[in-house]
Amino acid sequence: MGAEDSLVRYVVREVSGGRHLADVMQDPYITNRSDQVDSRRLLDRPEVIAAVGDDVLDDLRSKLGLK
């Protein structure tokens, strides 16, 4: 497993735990281990997209009273 895989797991875990992606991407764990290009690549990973998509849908459901 590479460093990028570790970052992906971290992002997915944090977002799945209820944190917003923008906040997670500013964590020292991310910023100390990646540059801007690496961070962009993280956002293209299917695991991250899926985790963020679920988070956005959950927020929308809550706002619409559908949860």
Protein backbone atom coordinates (compact mmCIF):
# COMPACT_ATOMS: atom_id res chain seq x y z
CA MET A 1 0.00 0.00 0.00
CA GLY A 2 1.28 3.39 -0.95
CA ALA A 3 1.19 6.76 0.72
CA GLU A 4 -1.70 7.87 -1.48
CA ASP A 5 -3.77 4.88 -0.37
CA SER A 6 -3.19 5.86 3.26
CA LEU A 7 -4.37 9.38 2.52
CA VAL A 8 -7.45 8.07 0.74
CA ARG A 9 -8.33 5.85 3.70
CA TYR A 10 -7.90 8.82 6.06
CA VAL A 11 -10.12 11.10 3.97
CA VAL A 12 -12.83 8.46 3.59
CA ARG A 13 -12.78 7.65 7.31
CA GLU A 14 -13.03 11.29 8.35
CA VAL A 15 -15.75 12.20 5.85
CA SER A 16 -17.69 9.05 6.74
CA GLY A 17 -17.39 10.13 10.37
CA GLY A 18 -19.27 13.33 9.61
CA ARG A 19 -16.54 15.85 8.86
CA HIS A 20 -16.69 18.10 5.81
CA LEU A 21 -14.22 17.39 3.04
CA ALA A 22 -12.82 20.94 3.06
CA ASP A 23 -11.92 20.59 6.74
CA VAL A 24 -10.36 17.16 6.26
CA MET A 25 -8.23 18.37 3.36
CA GLN A 26 -6.75 21.04 5.65
CA ASP A 27 -5.72 18.55 8.34
CA PRO A 28 -1.98 18.39 8.99
CA TYR A 29 -2.10 14.66 8.20
CA ILE A 30 -3.03 15.58 4.63
CA THR A 31 -1.07 18.80 4.18
CA ASN A 32 2.16 17.34 5.56
CA ARG A 33 2.00 14.34 3.25
CA SER A 34 0.79 15.81 -0.03
CA ASP A 35 1.23 18.80 -2.28
CA GLN A 36 -1.49 20.49 -4.32
CA VAL A 37 -1.20 18.01 -7.18
CA ASP A 38 -1.44 15.05 -4.80
CA SER A 39 -4.49 16.59 -3.15
CA ARG A 40 -6.20 17.00 -6.51
CA ARG A 41 -5.47 13.37 -7.31
CA LEU A 42 -7.03 12.33 -3.99
CA LEU A 43 -10.25 14.07 -4.96
CA ASP A 44 -10.38 12.03 -8.17
CA ARG A 45 -10.24 8.69 -6.37
CA PRO A 46 -13.52 6.73 -6.56
CA GLU A 47 -13.45 5.96 -2.84
CA VAL A 48 -13.30 9.65 -1.94
CA ILE A 49 -15.97 10.58 -4.48
CA ALA A 50 -18.28 7.91 -3.07
CA ALA A 51 -17.72 9.04 0.53
CA VAL A 52 -18.30 12.70 -0.31
CA GLY A 53 -21.36 11.87 -2.39
CA ASP A 54 -22.92 10.02 0.53
CA ASP A 55 -22.11 12.96 2.82
CA VAL A 56 -23.75 15.46 0.46
CA LEU A 57 -26.84 13.28 0.08
CA ASP A 58 -27.14 12.85 3.84
CA ASP A 59 -26.93 16.63 4.34
CA LEU A 60 -29.59 17.20 1.70
CA ARG A 61 -31.89 14.57 3.19
CA SER A 62 -31.53 16.18 6.61
CA LYS A 63 -32.31 19.64 5.26
CA LEU A 64 -35.39 18.31 3.46
CA GLY A 65 -36.57 16.33 6.49
CA LEU A 66 -36.21 13.04 4.66
CA LYS A 67 -33.89 11.36 7.11
